[in-house]
Amino acid sequence: MNTSPVDFQANLAPEEAKLGESARVAGAMRGFAREIGALSALRLDACVHCGMCADACHFYIVTEDPQYTPVLKVEPFKQVFKREAGAFAPVFRWFGLKAKITGAELARWQHLLYDSCNLCGRCSLMCPMGIDIAELIEQARRGMFEAGLAPKELYEKAAHQRRTGQPEPSDEPYRDKLLAIGRRFNVEIPLDKPRAEVLLTVPRTDIEHYPAAVAALVRVMAHLKADCTFRSDGLVAENYGYYAGGRDWQREISRRLIDQAVACQAKVLIVPECGHAYSALRWEAAELMGKSLPFKVLHITEYLAEALEAGRLRLRTAQVGATAFHDPCQLVRKGGITAAPRQLLRAMGIEPRETVRHIGYNICCGGGGGVFDIERAATLRHRVVEEKFHEIDQTGAQTFLTTCSDCRRTFDDGKKRFNWELTPGSLLELVAEHLQGG
């Protein structure tokens, strides 16, 4: 393993570091037990150890290290299931075929479940037995969170977002930053309208790093004459409870946005260019809340593609040269959003140049699932983004676009490290620049 007990202790939040081994094990057992049901049992028993998921994982592809085989990352979860809940659990216990899980074992697995997994779902797509391995890894993260073993960067951001609505302290509240972006880019920010058909959210990444993307969202919505608003108490799209594995925290963070959508009677909640925010709200929020959401959740590219088809959105030709496009993993493999971005590109006269592995089989940027925030994971993440750069370069593209701000930031970080020639851009920004009559 790449992490020693000293490494994992240094990477814990102060609240987590206080726990002793017995408390960690009890927490993990509690977390894993909560996740063990008929579906997870079926998945854990169905694995035939064929190894195909290894060739699907970009972390394994760039290292050829067997510890990064996706199904091995859920071994502590599987160990608890076999020993405590499986059909042959008494046999496993009686003959000692599965030992009790230990705190040291959990600590070693922290690196595999967090540093070397983007929850991208490519392994699930490749599994011949139809096992959703990425979902099992999500479930294993929840046990790790209960054991006090979430990386401190994710734990602290989740805790702060749970308390305040934004993932980290800032020199001014995000509400004020949003209004400042409006002044800087000369756009009127619709904020805290009591009623609106559409609730807008924004990634923390855009507020802090890509304000032009926020302005682009506002320009496009104004061009469409959409009845929309941001809400001060429900701005941030990302959900760090989802990243960290804190199921209850994830629910509370999602509830903040849901409550604001209900308060303004929105019919649609738009997730901006953020893949994991889409998964957390579109696919998991209703399950966590225990009831259907009274509004639709759409990614911004879905919303714009619908407007394009309805004739409400018309775009001018973009003179940007040969263009490559990166499909964010959460959007294509969990959301099936493959046509929408290409419809928008073609409406601007762009036929995207696809990488050798693309659309559903696209490899991840390496930074998703909270990995970008984990400092010690940087070296491994850089190896993945370098592989991605090679694929993009092979297309001969002069322009490179994506629809996820976290992917964009990962690519920007890689660009600095490897002196990459292209500058990652936002599809939303390109749309805003080429509005017909705008």
Protein backbone atom coordinates (compact mmCIF):
# COMPACT_ATOMS: atom_id res chain seq x y z
CA MET A 1 0.00 0.00 0.00
CA ASN A 2 1.07 3.57 -0.59
CA THR A 3 -0.08 4.86 2.77
CA SER A 4 1.27 4.01 6.20
CA PRO A 5 -0.59 4.61 9.48
CA VAL A 6 1.51 7.78 9.92
CA ASP A 7 0.33 9.03 6.53
CA PHE A 8 -3.33 8.47 7.28
CA GLN A 9 -3.15 10.09 10.73
CA ALA A 10 -1.62 13.20 9.17
CA ASN A 11 -4.49 13.33 6.71
CA LEU A 12 -7.32 13.36 9.23
CA ALA A 13 -9.34 16.26 10.57
CA PRO A 14 -8.80 16.92 14.31
CA GLU A 15 -12.25 15.51 15.15
CA GLU A 16 -11.41 12.28 13.34
CA ALA A 17 -7.90 11.93 14.76
CA LYS A 18 -9.30 11.67 18.30
CA LEU A 19 -10.91 8.29 17.62
CA GLY A 20 -9.22 5.14 18.87
CA GLU A 21 -9.05 1.87 16.95
CA SER A 22 -12.07 0.30 18.63
CA ALA A 23 -14.20 3.36 17.85
CA ARG A 24 -13.00 3.31 14.26
CA VAL A 25 -13.85 -0.34 13.79
CA ALA A 26 -17.26 0.12 15.44
CA GLY A 27 -17.98 3.10 13.20
CA ALA A 28 -16.94 1.22 10.08
CA MET A 29 -19.05 -1.80 11.03
CA ARG A 30 -22.02 0.49 11.65
CA GLY A 31 -21.51 2.28 8.33
CA PHE A 32 -21.00 -0.89 6.31
CA ALA A 33 -23.96 -2.63 7.96
CA ARG A 34 -26.20 0.29 7.03
CA GLU A 35 -25.24 -0.19 3.39
CA ILE A 36 -25.61 -3.98 3.18
CA GLY A 37 -28.87 -4.87 1.49
CA ALA A 38 -30.12 -7.30 -1.12
CA LEU A 39 -28.64 -5.34 -4.03
CA SER A 40 -25.21 -4.82 -2.49
CA ALA A 41 -25.18 -8.49 -1.41
CA LEU A 42 -25.93 -9.56 -4.97
CA ARG A 43 -23.14 -7.36 -6.29
CA LEU A 44 -20.57 -8.56 -3.78
CA ASP A 45 -21.39 -12.22 -4.49
CA ALA A 46 -21.53 -11.81 -8.27
CA CYS A 47 -17.87 -10.89 -8.80
CA VAL A 48 -16.01 -13.63 -10.69
CA HIS A 49 -12.60 -11.92 -10.30
CA CYS A 50 -12.09 -11.66 -14.06
CA GLY A 51 -9.95 -8.51 -13.80
CA MET A 52 -11.77 -6.55 -16.51
CA CYS A 53 -12.44 -3.70 -14.11
CA ALA A 54 -8.67 -3.23 -13.73
CA ASP A 55 -8.31 -2.39 -17.42
CA ALA A 56 -11.21 0.04 -17.06
CA CYS A 57 -9.61 2.08 -14.25
CA HIS A 58 -7.39 4.95 -15.34
CA PHE A 59 -5.41 4.70 -12.10
CA TYR A 60 -4.55 1.11 -12.94
CA ILE A 61 -3.92 1.97 -16.60
CA VAL A 62 -1.27 4.59 -15.75
CA THR A 63 0.42 2.61 -12.94
CA GLU A 64 -0.25 -1.08 -13.77
CA ASP A 65 -0.35 -1.53 -10.00
CA PRO A 66 -2.82 -4.30 -9.02
CA GLN A 67 -3.85 -2.51 -5.82
CA TYR A 68 -5.83 -0.10 -8.01
CA THR A 69 -8.08 -2.85 -9.37
CA PRO A 70 -11.53 -1.35 -8.63
CA VAL A 71 -13.15 -4.40 -7.07
CA LEU A 72 -10.24 -4.74 -4.61
CA LYS A 73 -11.00 -1.26 -3.30
CA VAL A 74 -14.18 -2.54 -1.68
CA GLU A 75 -12.40 -5.40 0.12
CA PRO A 76 -13.09 -4.14 3.71
CA PHE A 77 -16.79 -3.78 2.81
CA LYS A 78 -16.80 -7.25 1.25
CA GLN A 79 -14.95 -8.68 4.25
CA VAL A 80 -17.61 -7.39 6.65
CA PHE A 81 -20.39 -8.67 4.40
CA LYS A 82 -18.92 -12.18 4.07
CA ARG A 83 -18.25 -12.47 7.81
CA GLU A 84 -21.33 -10.81 9.23
CA ALA A 85 -24.20 -10.80 6.72
CA GLY A 86 -23.61 -13.20 3.85
CA ALA A 87 -25.43 -16.50 3.43
CA PHE A 88 -22.38 -18.41 4.64
CA ALA A 89 -21.33 -15.93 7.33
CA PRO A 90 -21.38 -18.57 10.15
CA VAL A 91 -19.06 -20.79 8.10
CA PHE A 92 -16.68 -17.91 7.41
CA ARG A 93 -16.58 -17.05 11.12
CA TRP A 94 -16.33 -20.64 12.38
CA PHE A 95 -13.43 -21.59 10.14
CA GLY A 96 -11.76 -18.19 10.27
CA LEU A 97 -12.06 -17.70 6.51
CA LYS A 98 -12.70 -13.99 6.98
CA ALA A 99 -10.95 -12.27 9.86
CA LYS A 100 -12.44 -9.39 11.79
CA ILE A 101 -11.76 -6.05 10.18
CA THR A 102 -9.10 -3.98 11.97
CA GLY A 103 -8.39 -0.29 12.31
CA ALA A 104 -5.00 -0.72 10.63
CA GLU A 105 -6.63 -2.40 7.65
CA LEU A 106 -9.12 0.43 7.31
CA ALA A 107 -6.33 2.98 7.49
CA ARG A 108 -4.47 1.26 4.66
CA TRP A 109 -7.61 1.28 2.54
CA GLN A 110 -8.17 5.02 2.92
CA HIS A 111 -5.75 5.68 0.06
CA LEU A 112 -7.53 3.27 -2.28
CA LEU A 113 -11.06 4.48 -1.64
CA TYR A 114 -10.36 8.21 -1.77
CA ASP A 115 -7.02 9.05 -3.42
CA SER A 116 -7.30 6.59 -6.30
CA CYS A 117 -10.98 6.61 -7.22
CA ASN A 118 -12.97 9.33 -8.98
CA LEU A 119 -16.27 7.42 -8.68
CA CYS A 120 -16.32 7.77 -12.46
CA GLY A 121 -18.19 4.53 -13.12
CA ARG A 122 -16.04 3.26 -16.01
CA CYS A 123 -15.39 0.05 -14.08
CA SER A 124 -19.13 -0.47 -13.69
CA LEU A 125 -19.63 -0.01 -17.42
CA MET A 126 -16.99 -2.64 -18.21
CA CYS A 127 -18.00 -5.29 -15.67
CA PRO A 128 -19.31 -8.38 -17.54
CA MET A 129 -21.42 -9.32 -14.50
CA GLY A 130 -23.18 -5.97 -14.46
CA ILE A 131 -21.84 -5.03 -11.01
CA ASP A 132 -22.02 -1.32 -10.20
CA ILE A 133 -18.54 -1.25 -8.66
CA ALA A 134 -18.55 2.54 -8.37
CA GLU A 135 -21.67 2.35 -6.20
CA LEU A 136 -19.97 -0.23 -3.98
CA ILE A 137 -17.02 2.13 -3.59
CA GLU A 138 -19.43 4.92 -2.63
CA GLN A 139 -20.90 2.59 -0.01
CA ALA A 140 -17.42 1.71 1.26
CA ARG A 141 -16.62 5.43 1.58
CA ARG A 142 -19.66 5.77 3.82
CA GLY A 143 -18.24 3.14 6.14
CA MET A 144 -14.89 4.95 6.14
CA PHE A 145 -16.63 8.20 7.04
CA GLU A 146 -18.34 6.50 9.98
CA ALA A 147 -14.90 5.20 11.03
CA GLY A 148 -13.53 8.76 11.06
CA LEU A 149 -11.29 8.03 8.08
CA ALA A 150 -12.41 10.52 5.45
CA PRO A 151 -9.45 12.63 4.24
CA LYS A 152 -9.32 15.88 6.17
CA GLU A 153 -9.70 18.04 3.05
CA LEU A 154 -13.05 16.41 2.24
CA TYR A 155 -14.21 16.10 5.86
CA GLU A 156 -13.52 19.75 6.68
CA LYS A 157 -15.14 21.08 3.50
CA ALA A 158 -18.19 18.87 4.09
CA ALA A 159 -18.46 20.03 7.69
CA HIS A 160 -18.21 23.70 6.70
CA GLN A 161 -20.73 23.30 3.88
CA ARG A 162 -23.13 21.56 6.22
CA ARG A 163 -22.93 24.49 8.65
CA THR A 164 -22.81 27.44 6.27
CA GLY A 165 -23.82 26.33 2.78
CA GLN A 166 -20.37 26.90 1.29
CA PRO A 167 -17.50 24.40 1.43
CA GLU A 168 -14.83 26.66 2.91
CA PRO A 169 -14.35 30.08 4.50
CA SER A 170 -13.90 33.00 2.11
CA ASP A 171 -13.02 36.65 2.44
CA GLU A 172 -16.67 37.46 1.73
CA PRO A 173 -19.85 35.36 1.48
CA TYR A 174 -20.50 33.73 -1.88
CA ARG A 175 -23.66 35.84 -2.19
CA ASP A 176 -21.52 38.97 -2.22
CA LYS A 177 -19.01 37.37 -4.58
CA LEU A 178 -21.85 36.53 -6.94
CA LEU A 179 -23.03 40.14 -6.98
CA ALA A 180 -19.44 41.30 -7.52
CA ILE A 181 -19.19 39.02 -10.56
CA GLY A 182 -22.32 40.71 -11.91
CA ARG A 183 -20.74 44.14 -11.55
CA ARG A 184 -17.42 42.98 -13.03
CA PHE A 185 -19.01 41.45 -16.14
CA ASN A 186 -21.88 43.93 -16.42
CA VAL A 187 -24.67 41.41 -16.00
CA GLU A 188 -27.68 41.68 -13.72
CA ILE A 189 -27.68 38.82 -11.21
CA PRO A 190 -31.20 37.56 -10.46
CA LEU A 191 -31.02 36.94 -6.72
CA ASP A 192 -33.56 35.96 -4.07
CA LYS A 193 -36.68 36.39 -6.18
CA PRO A 194 -39.63 35.12 -4.12
CA ARG A 195 -41.00 33.18 -7.11
CA ALA A 196 -39.21 31.80 -10.15
CA GLU A 197 -39.66 28.90 -12.55
CA VAL A 198 -35.96 28.06 -12.53
CA LEU A 199 -33.55 27.89 -9.60
CA LEU A 200 -29.92 28.45 -10.62
CA THR A 201 -26.95 27.07 -8.72
CA VAL A 202 -23.25 27.72 -9.16
CA PRO A 203 -20.12 25.68 -8.52
CA ARG A 204 -17.76 26.87 -5.81
CA THR A 205 -15.06 26.30 -8.43
CA ASP A 206 -16.62 28.91 -10.73
CA ILE A 207 -17.15 31.44 -7.93
CA GLU A 208 -13.50 31.13 -6.92
CA HIS A 209 -11.75 30.39 -10.22
CA TYR A 210 -13.99 30.86 -13.28
CA PRO A 211 -16.24 33.90 -12.72
CA ALA A 212 -16.69 34.29 -16.51
CA ALA A 213 -18.63 31.00 -16.45
CA VAL A 214 -21.02 32.44 -13.86
CA ALA A 215 -21.53 35.52 -16.01
CA ALA A 216 -22.07 33.27 -19.05
CA LEU A 217 -24.84 31.39 -17.24
CA VAL A 218 -26.60 34.66 -16.40
CA ARG A 219 -26.24 35.97 -19.97
CA VAL A 220 -27.66 32.83 -21.51
CA MET A 221 -30.63 32.71 -19.13
CA ALA A 222 -31.36 36.40 -19.76
CA HIS A 223 -31.15 35.80 -23.52
CA LEU A 224 -33.73 33.01 -23.16
CA LYS A 225 -35.89 35.33 -21.05
CA ALA A 226 -36.04 32.61 -18.42
CA ASP A 227 -37.84 33.34 -15.16
CA CYS A 228 -34.93 32.38 -12.89
CA THR A 229 -33.16 33.21 -9.68
CA PHE A 230 -30.22 32.35 -7.49
CA ARG A 231 -30.96 32.04 -3.77
CA SER A 232 -28.54 33.29 -1.13
CA ASP A 233 -29.22 30.30 1.12
CA GLY A 234 -28.82 27.72 -1.65
CA LEU A 235 -26.07 28.76 -4.05
CA VAL A 236 -23.43 26.04 -4.14
CA ALA A 237 -23.96 23.08 -6.43
CA GLU A 238 -21.19 20.78 -5.13
CA ASN A 239 -21.91 18.39 -2.27
CA TYR A 240 -18.84 17.59 -0.18
CA GLY A 241 -20.87 15.22 1.97
CA TYR A 242 -21.15 13.09 -1.18
CA TYR A 243 -17.37 13.20 -1.71
CA ALA A 244 -16.51 12.41 1.92
CA GLY A 245 -19.03 9.59 2.30
CA GLY A 246 -21.12 11.31 4.98
CA ARG A 247 -24.60 10.17 4.01
CA ASP A 248 -26.43 12.26 6.62
CA TRP A 249 -24.30 15.30 5.79
CA GLN A 250 -24.98 14.77 2.09
CA ARG A 251 -28.69 14.79 2.83
CA GLU A 252 -28.47 18.03 4.82
CA ILE A 253 -26.45 19.76 2.11
CA SER A 254 -28.90 18.64 -0.59
CA ARG A 255 -31.83 19.70 1.61
CA ARG A 256 -30.55 23.29 1.58
CA LEU A 257 -30.95 23.47 -2.21
CA ILE A 258 -34.20 21.52 -2.22
CA ASP A 259 -35.75 23.83 0.39
CA GLN A 260 -34.81 26.90 -1.66
CA ALA A 261 -36.29 25.41 -4.83
CA VAL A 262 -39.50 24.64 -2.97
CA ALA A 263 -39.57 28.10 -1.38
CA CYS A 264 -39.50 29.87 -4.75
CA GLN A 265 -41.80 27.25 -6.33
CA ALA A 266 -39.25 26.38 -9.00
CA LYS A 267 -40.20 23.85 -11.65
CA VAL A 268 -36.57 23.24 -12.63
CA LEU A 269 -33.32 23.27 -10.69
CA ILE A 270 -30.35 23.81 -12.99
CA VAL A 271 -27.03 22.25 -12.11
CA PRO A 272 -24.22 24.25 -13.75
CA GLU A 273 -21.06 22.78 -15.24
CA CYS A 274 -20.38 20.32 -12.41
CA GLY A 275 -20.63 16.56 -12.87
CA HIS A 276 -20.75 15.27 -9.31
CA ALA A 277 -23.26 17.93 -8.28
CA TYR A 278 -25.52 16.55 -10.99
CA SER A 279 -25.24 13.00 -9.63
CA ALA A 280 -25.88 14.10 -6.05
CA LEU A 281 -29.00 16.08 -6.93
CA ARG A 282 -30.38 14.23 -9.95
CA TRP A 283 -29.93 10.66 -8.78
CA GLU A 284 -29.41 10.60 -5.03
CA ALA A 285 -31.28 13.53 -3.45
CA ALA A 286 -34.77 12.04 -3.80
CA GLU A 287 -33.60 8.73 -2.31
CA LEU A 288 -32.00 10.54 0.63
CA MET A 289 -35.10 12.64 1.20
CA GLY A 290 -37.36 9.61 0.96
CA LYS A 291 -39.70 11.16 -1.59
CA SER A 292 -39.78 12.47 -5.15
CA LEU A 293 -38.55 16.01 -5.71
CA PRO A 294 -41.30 18.45 -6.76
CA PHE A 295 -39.14 19.83 -9.58
CA LYS A 296 -36.89 18.60 -12.39
CA VAL A 297 -33.10 18.57 -12.04
CA LEU A 298 -31.32 19.39 -15.29
CA HIS A 299 -27.68 19.95 -16.16
CA ILE A 300 -27.18 23.26 -17.98
CA THR A 301 -26.31 21.46 -21.24
CA GLU A 302 -29.59 19.51 -21.07
CA TYR A 303 -31.52 22.73 -20.50
CA LEU A 304 -29.80 24.52 -23.39
CA ALA A 305 -30.23 21.57 -25.76
CA GLU A 306 -33.96 21.58 -24.99
CA ALA A 307 -34.07 25.32 -25.73
CA LEU A 308 -32.19 24.69 -28.98
CA GLU A 309 -34.66 22.02 -30.09
CA ALA A 310 -37.59 24.27 -29.20
CA GLY A 311 -36.15 27.10 -31.32
CA ARG A 312 -35.72 29.38 -28.31
CA LEU A 313 -31.92 29.26 -28.57
CA ARG A 314 -30.12 30.14 -31.80
CA LEU A 315 -26.36 30.26 -32.08
CA ARG A 316 -23.85 31.83 -34.43
CA THR A 317 -20.96 29.95 -36.04
CA ALA A 318 -17.88 29.81 -33.82
CA GLN A 319 -14.49 30.22 -35.47
CA VAL A 320 -12.42 28.17 -33.03
CA GLY A 321 -10.66 25.66 -35.27
CA ALA A 322 -10.48 21.93 -34.66
CA THR A 323 -12.14 21.23 -31.31
CA ALA A 324 -11.90 18.33 -28.88
CA PHE A 325 -14.50 17.78 -26.18
CA HIS A 326 -14.20 16.01 -22.81
CA ASP A 327 -17.30 14.21 -21.51
CA PRO A 328 -17.43 14.50 -17.69
CA CYS A 329 -17.78 11.00 -16.29
CA GLN A 330 -20.79 11.66 -14.06
CA LEU A 331 -22.75 13.17 -16.91
CA VAL A 332 -22.20 10.47 -19.53
CA ARG A 333 -22.05 7.29 -17.46
CA LYS A 334 -24.60 8.16 -14.79
CA GLY A 335 -26.71 10.71 -16.62
CA GLY A 336 -26.50 9.60 -20.24
CA ILE A 337 -25.90 13.21 -21.28
CA THR A 338 -24.05 12.54 -24.53
CA ALA A 339 -26.13 14.21 -27.24
CA ALA A 340 -26.78 17.58 -25.58
CA PRO A 341 -23.24 19.04 -25.68
CA ARG A 342 -22.72 17.81 -29.25
CA GLN A 343 -26.01 19.40 -30.32
CA LEU A 344 -24.78 22.72 -28.96
CA LEU A 345 -21.38 22.34 -30.63
CA ARG A 346 -22.90 21.48 -34.01
CA ALA A 347 -25.30 24.43 -33.73
CA MET A 348 -22.15 26.57 -33.68
CA GLY A 349 -20.70 24.78 -36.69
CA ILE A 350 -18.32 22.61 -34.67
CA GLU A 351 -17.91 18.90 -35.31
CA PRO A 352 -16.03 17.70 -32.23
CA ARG A 353 -12.92 15.59 -32.68
CA GLU A 354 -13.36 12.61 -30.40
CA THR A 355 -10.54 11.12 -28.37
CA VAL A 356 -9.75 7.44 -28.88
CA ARG A 357 -11.73 6.65 -25.70
CA HIS A 358 -14.78 8.86 -25.72
CA ILE A 359 -18.40 9.35 -24.64
CA GLY A 360 -19.29 6.45 -22.30
CA TYR A 361 -15.79 4.99 -22.46
CA ASN A 362 -14.09 8.33 -21.88
CA ILE A 363 -11.37 8.26 -19.23
CA CYS A 364 -11.72 10.67 -16.34
CA CYS A 365 -9.70 13.84 -15.81
CA GLY A 366 -8.36 12.27 -12.62
CA GLY A 367 -9.61 14.97 -10.24
CA GLY A 368 -13.28 14.10 -9.74
CA GLY A 369 -14.88 12.51 -6.69
CA GLY A 370 -12.97 14.88 -4.40
CA VAL A 371 -9.54 13.64 -5.53
CA PHE A 372 -8.46 17.11 -6.68
CA ASP A 373 -8.90 18.40 -3.13
CA ILE A 374 -6.71 15.69 -1.55
CA GLU A 375 -3.18 17.08 -1.45
CA ARG A 376 -1.35 13.77 -1.14
CA ALA A 377 -3.17 12.40 -4.23
CA ALA A 378 -1.60 14.98 -6.55
CA THR A 379 1.17 12.76 -7.95
CA LEU A 380 -1.23 9.97 -8.87
CA ARG A 381 -3.76 12.43 -10.28
CA HIS A 382 -1.11 14.05 -12.47
CA ARG A 383 -0.31 10.70 -14.06
CA VAL A 384 -3.95 10.34 -15.09
CA VAL A 385 -4.29 13.85 -16.52
CA GLU A 386 -1.06 13.37 -18.49
CA GLU A 387 -2.61 10.28 -20.10
CA LYS A 388 -5.68 12.35 -20.94
CA PHE A 389 -3.52 15.08 -22.50
CA HIS A 390 -1.93 12.49 -24.81
CA GLU A 391 -5.36 11.45 -26.05
CA ILE A 392 -6.44 15.05 -26.69
CA ASP A 393 -3.19 15.87 -28.50
CA GLN A 394 -3.76 12.90 -30.80
CA THR A 395 -6.92 14.58 -32.13
CA GLY A 396 -4.94 17.55 -33.44
CA ALA A 397 -7.39 19.92 -31.73
CA GLN A 398 -6.72 23.63 -31.44
CA THR A 399 -9.53 24.17 -28.93
CA PHE A 400 -10.48 22.01 -25.96
CA LEU A 401 -13.81 22.22 -24.13
CA THR A 402 -15.65 20.52 -21.30
CA THR A 403 -18.86 20.95 -19.30
CA CYS A 404 -17.53 20.45 -15.77
CA SER A 405 -15.68 23.13 -13.83
CA ASP A 406 -13.86 20.58 -11.65
CA CYS A 407 -12.61 18.79 -14.78
CA ARG A 408 -11.56 22.17 -16.14
CA ARG A 409 -9.62 23.01 -12.99
CA THR A 410 -7.92 19.60 -13.03
CA PHE A 411 -6.89 20.19 -16.63
CA ASP A 412 -5.65 23.71 -15.81
CA ASP A 413 -3.55 22.30 -12.98
CA GLY A 414 -2.14 19.67 -15.33
CA LYS A 415 -1.49 22.32 -17.97
CA LYS A 416 0.79 24.18 -15.55
CA ARG A 417 2.61 21.02 -14.53
CA PHE A 418 3.21 19.66 -18.03
CA ASN A 419 3.31 22.94 -19.99
CA TRP A 420 0.41 21.72 -22.08
CA GLU A 421 -0.31 23.94 -25.08
CA LEU A 422 -4.12 24.00 -24.99
CA THR A 423 -6.24 25.98 -22.55
CA PRO A 424 -9.30 24.11 -21.21
CA GLY A 425 -12.47 26.05 -21.94
CA SER A 426 -16.13 26.04 -20.95
CA LEU A 427 -18.83 25.03 -23.43
CA LEU A 428 -21.26 27.30 -21.58
CA GLU A 429 -18.95 30.28 -22.07
CA LEU A 430 -18.65 29.51 -25.78
CA VAL A 431 -22.44 29.36 -26.08
CA ALA A 432 -22.76 32.73 -24.30
CA GLU A 433 -20.28 34.27 -26.73
CA HIS A 434 -22.22 33.08 -29.79
CA LEU A 435 -25.84 33.85 -28.98
CA GLN A 436 -27.74 34.77 -32.11
CA GLY A 437 -28.56 38.43 -31.72
CA GLY A 438 -26.80 38.48 -28.34
